[in-house]
Amino acid sequence: MKNESGTSSSAGSKVERKIIEKNRRIQMKDLCLKLVSLIPPQHSRPAEKENLTQQDQLEQAASYIQQLSARVEEMRRRKAQALAAAAAAANASTKRGPPSTSRLVSPVLKFRVFGQSLEVVLISGLTRNFSLHKVVSILEDEGAEVNTVNLSTIGDKVFHTIHAQVKVSRVGMDTSRMSERLHELIS
């Protein structure tokens, strides 16, 4: 059967299939190049990368993916071990009963003034803590503008580090009054 242009429809479909196949090969080649570009240089030598066949490049990518899978499994195993050890330690500490006075950390307050900047370090125990927003309020009441607040827990101690600057440089800030108010808060 012939169409309006005088060619058979089977010839048109062959051309169409060739175009589709050509586009598929181009797309596959692009995807393979993208995959190979994702392999880090330490896993493959760059000089080799250019001389490898597409089959070799795909094998290299598969090898790299297998290495990553093994690494992920190893990390999962180590995480499970760490969580089990932490749970065992937590169970052991709860079986010992309430914290002893030797493990209680009374709050410690340290000030450092650097010109217009101020660093306040507050160290407390896990069981003896205080409201951080009250500390920030006291600093701001005394003329400091809080820039950053960091909190970290190490063992049974909680470290609060606050960095601030003088709001108005002409007025300054009274660190002795600030220290006195903070000591009242944490004691």
Protein backbone atom coordinates (compact mmCIF):
# COMPACT_ATOMS: atom_id res chain seq x y z
CA MET A 1 0.00 0.00 0.00
CA LYS A 2 1.36 3.44 -0.96
CA ASN A 3 0.76 6.70 0.80
CA GLU A 4 0.31 10.16 -0.77
CA SER A 5 4.04 10.69 -1.34
CA GLY A 6 4.26 7.48 -3.32
CA THR A 7 6.34 5.49 -0.83
CA SER A 8 5.22 2.44 1.00
CA SER A 9 4.39 2.75 4.70
CA SER A 10 6.80 -0.09 5.56
CA ALA A 11 9.73 1.89 4.18
CA GLY A 12 8.67 4.89 6.30
CA SER A 13 8.47 2.77 9.41
CA LYS A 14 11.97 1.36 8.75
CA VAL A 15 13.39 4.87 8.57
CA GLU A 16 11.50 5.83 11.69
CA ARG A 17 12.84 2.77 13.55
CA LYS A 18 16.40 3.63 12.43
CA ILE A 19 16.00 7.17 13.76
CA ILE A 20 14.59 5.88 17.04
CA GLU A 21 17.46 3.38 17.38
CA LYS A 22 20.04 6.06 16.54
CA ASN A 23 18.58 8.39 19.20
CA ARG A 24 18.56 5.53 21.72
CA ARG A 25 22.26 4.80 21.05
CA ILE A 26 23.15 8.49 21.39
CA GLN A 27 21.22 8.69 24.66
CA MET A 28 22.91 5.51 26.00
CA LYS A 29 26.34 6.87 25.04
CA ASP A 30 25.59 10.14 26.86
CA LEU A 31 24.39 8.26 29.94
CA CYS A 32 27.51 6.06 29.94
CA LEU A 33 29.74 9.15 29.70
CA LYS A 34 27.85 10.73 32.58
CA LEU A 35 28.24 7.55 34.66
CA VAL A 36 31.98 7.35 33.98
CA SER A 37 32.38 11.03 34.87
CA LEU A 38 30.96 10.28 38.34
CA ILE A 39 33.74 7.81 39.16
CA PRO A 40 36.31 9.64 41.31
CA PRO A 41 39.86 9.94 39.95
CA GLN A 42 41.36 7.88 42.77
CA HIS A 43 39.27 4.88 41.63
CA SER A 44 40.37 5.09 38.01
CA ARG A 45 43.41 6.49 36.31
CA PRO A 46 42.47 9.45 34.05
CA ALA A 47 44.81 8.33 31.24
CA GLU A 48 43.11 4.94 31.22
CA LYS A 49 39.65 6.48 31.22
CA GLU A 50 40.09 7.85 27.70
CA ASN A 51 41.48 4.60 26.27
CA LEU A 52 38.92 2.24 27.81
CA THR A 53 36.13 0.75 25.76
CA GLN A 54 32.59 1.47 26.80
CA GLN A 55 32.35 -2.08 28.17
CA ASP A 56 35.47 -1.51 30.31
CA GLN A 57 34.10 1.81 31.56
CA LEU A 58 30.82 0.15 32.59
CA GLU A 59 32.73 -2.61 34.39
CA GLN A 60 34.79 0.02 36.20
CA ALA A 61 31.58 1.82 37.26
CA ALA A 62 30.07 -1.47 38.47
CA SER A 63 33.23 -2.19 40.48
CA TYR A 64 33.07 1.25 42.06
CA ILE A 65 29.37 0.80 42.95
CA GLN A 66 30.20 -2.56 44.58
CA GLN A 67 32.95 -0.88 46.63
CA LEU A 68 30.50 1.81 47.75
CA SER A 69 27.92 -0.84 48.72
CA ALA A 70 30.51 -2.71 50.79
CA ARG A 71 31.51 0.55 52.46
CA VAL A 72 27.88 1.39 53.29
CA GLU A 73 27.38 -2.06 54.81
CA GLU A 74 30.55 -1.68 56.90
CA MET A 75 29.36 1.73 58.15
CA ARG A 76 25.94 0.28 59.05
CA ARG A 77 27.65 -2.52 60.97
CA ARG A 78 29.86 -0.03 62.86
CA LYS A 79 26.85 2.18 63.61
CA ALA A 80 24.94 -0.80 65.01
CA GLN A 81 27.93 -1.69 67.20
CA ALA A 82 28.25 1.88 68.44
CA LEU A 83 24.53 2.08 69.24
CA ALA A 84 24.69 -1.24 71.08
CA ALA A 85 27.70 -0.05 73.09
CA ALA A 86 25.93 3.22 73.93
CA ALA A 87 22.79 1.35 75.01
CA ALA A 88 24.88 -0.97 77.18
CA ALA A 89 26.62 2.02 78.78
CA ALA A 90 23.27 3.73 79.41
CA ASN A 91 21.89 0.55 81.00
CA ALA A 92 24.98 0.22 83.18
CA SER A 93 24.69 3.82 84.39
CA THR A 94 21.00 3.46 85.27
CA LYS A 95 21.70 0.27 87.23
CA ARG A 96 24.26 2.13 89.37
CA GLY A 97 21.52 4.33 90.78
CA PRO A 98 21.36 8.11 91.14
CA PRO A 99 24.39 10.17 90.21
CA SER A 100 26.94 10.52 92.95
CA THR A 101 28.09 13.91 94.15
CA SER A 102 31.47 13.34 92.51
CA ARG A 103 29.76 13.20 89.11
CA LEU A 104 27.67 16.34 89.68
CA VAL A 105 29.18 19.39 88.06
CA SER A 106 28.48 22.68 89.73
CA PRO A 107 28.02 25.45 87.19
CA VAL A 108 31.18 27.25 86.10
CA LEU A 109 31.10 30.71 84.53
CA LYS A 110 33.99 32.20 82.51
CA PHE A 111 34.20 35.60 80.82
CA ARG A 112 36.64 36.74 78.19
CA VAL A 113 36.57 40.29 76.88
CA PHE A 114 38.27 41.13 73.58
CA GLY A 115 37.84 44.86 73.02
CA GLN A 116 34.23 45.20 71.81
CA SER A 117 33.64 41.43 71.85
CA LEU A 118 32.71 39.14 74.70
CA GLU A 119 32.82 35.37 75.13
CA VAL A 120 30.84 33.74 77.92
CA VAL A 121 31.41 30.06 78.68
CA LEU A 122 29.00 28.32 81.05
CA ILE A 123 29.70 24.74 82.06
CA SER A 124 27.10 22.71 83.93
CA GLY A 125 26.18 19.11 84.58
CA LEU A 126 23.45 17.20 82.82
CA THR A 127 21.25 17.23 85.91
CA ARG A 128 22.00 20.84 86.92
CA ASN A 129 21.08 23.02 83.99
CA PHE A 130 19.61 26.51 83.52
CA SER A 131 17.52 28.40 80.98
CA LEU A 132 19.73 29.65 78.19
CA HIS A 133 17.22 32.31 77.15
CA LYS A 134 17.60 33.91 80.61
CA VAL A 135 21.38 34.09 80.12
CA VAL A 136 20.92 35.75 76.72
CA SER A 137 18.41 38.20 78.25
CA ILE A 138 20.89 39.21 80.96
CA LEU A 139 23.63 39.79 78.37
CA GLU A 140 21.32 41.91 76.22
CA ASP A 141 20.06 43.88 79.27
CA GLU A 142 23.66 44.77 80.10
CA GLY A 143 24.42 46.15 76.64
CA ALA A 144 25.64 43.14 74.65
CA GLU A 145 24.29 41.91 71.34
CA VAL A 146 24.47 38.11 71.12
CA ASN A 147 25.95 36.89 67.83
CA THR A 148 26.23 33.13 68.33
CA VAL A 149 25.30 30.54 70.92
CA ASN A 150 26.83 27.06 70.85
CA LEU A 151 25.86 24.15 73.03
CA SER A 152 27.77 20.89 73.29
CA THR A 153 27.64 17.94 75.64
CA ILE A 154 30.78 16.03 76.51
CA GLY A 155 30.34 13.20 78.97
CA ASP A 156 28.30 14.50 81.89
CA LYS A 157 29.09 18.18 81.20
CA VAL A 158 27.15 20.69 79.11
CA PHE A 159 29.14 23.57 77.59
CA HIS A 160 27.36 26.78 76.56
CA THR A 161 29.52 29.21 74.59
CA ILE A 162 28.04 32.62 73.83
CA HIS A 163 29.72 35.22 71.62
CA ALA A 164 28.47 38.79 71.87
CA GLN A 165 29.45 42.33 70.95
CA VAL A 166 28.84 45.71 72.53
CA LYS A 167 25.59 47.20 71.17
CA VAL A 168 26.68 50.82 71.47
CA SER A 169 30.45 51.29 71.54
CA ARG A 170 30.25 54.70 73.29
CA VAL A 171 28.27 53.29 76.20
CA GLY A 172 30.05 49.93 76.48
CA MET A 173 28.95 47.16 78.81
CA ASP A 174 29.47 46.47 82.48
CA THR A 175 30.95 42.97 82.64
CA SER A 176 31.16 42.95 86.44
CA ARG A 177 27.40 43.55 86.79
CA MET A 178 26.78 41.03 84.00
CA SER A 179 28.92 38.45 85.80
CA GLU A 180 27.14 39.10 89.10
CA ARG A 181 23.68 38.63 87.55
CA LEU A 182 24.75 35.45 85.76
CA HIS A 183 26.24 34.00 88.96
CA GLU A 184 22.92 34.66 90.71
CA LEU A 185 21.09 32.87 87.89
CA ILE A 186 23.23 29.74 87.86
CA SER A 187 23.67 29.31 91.61
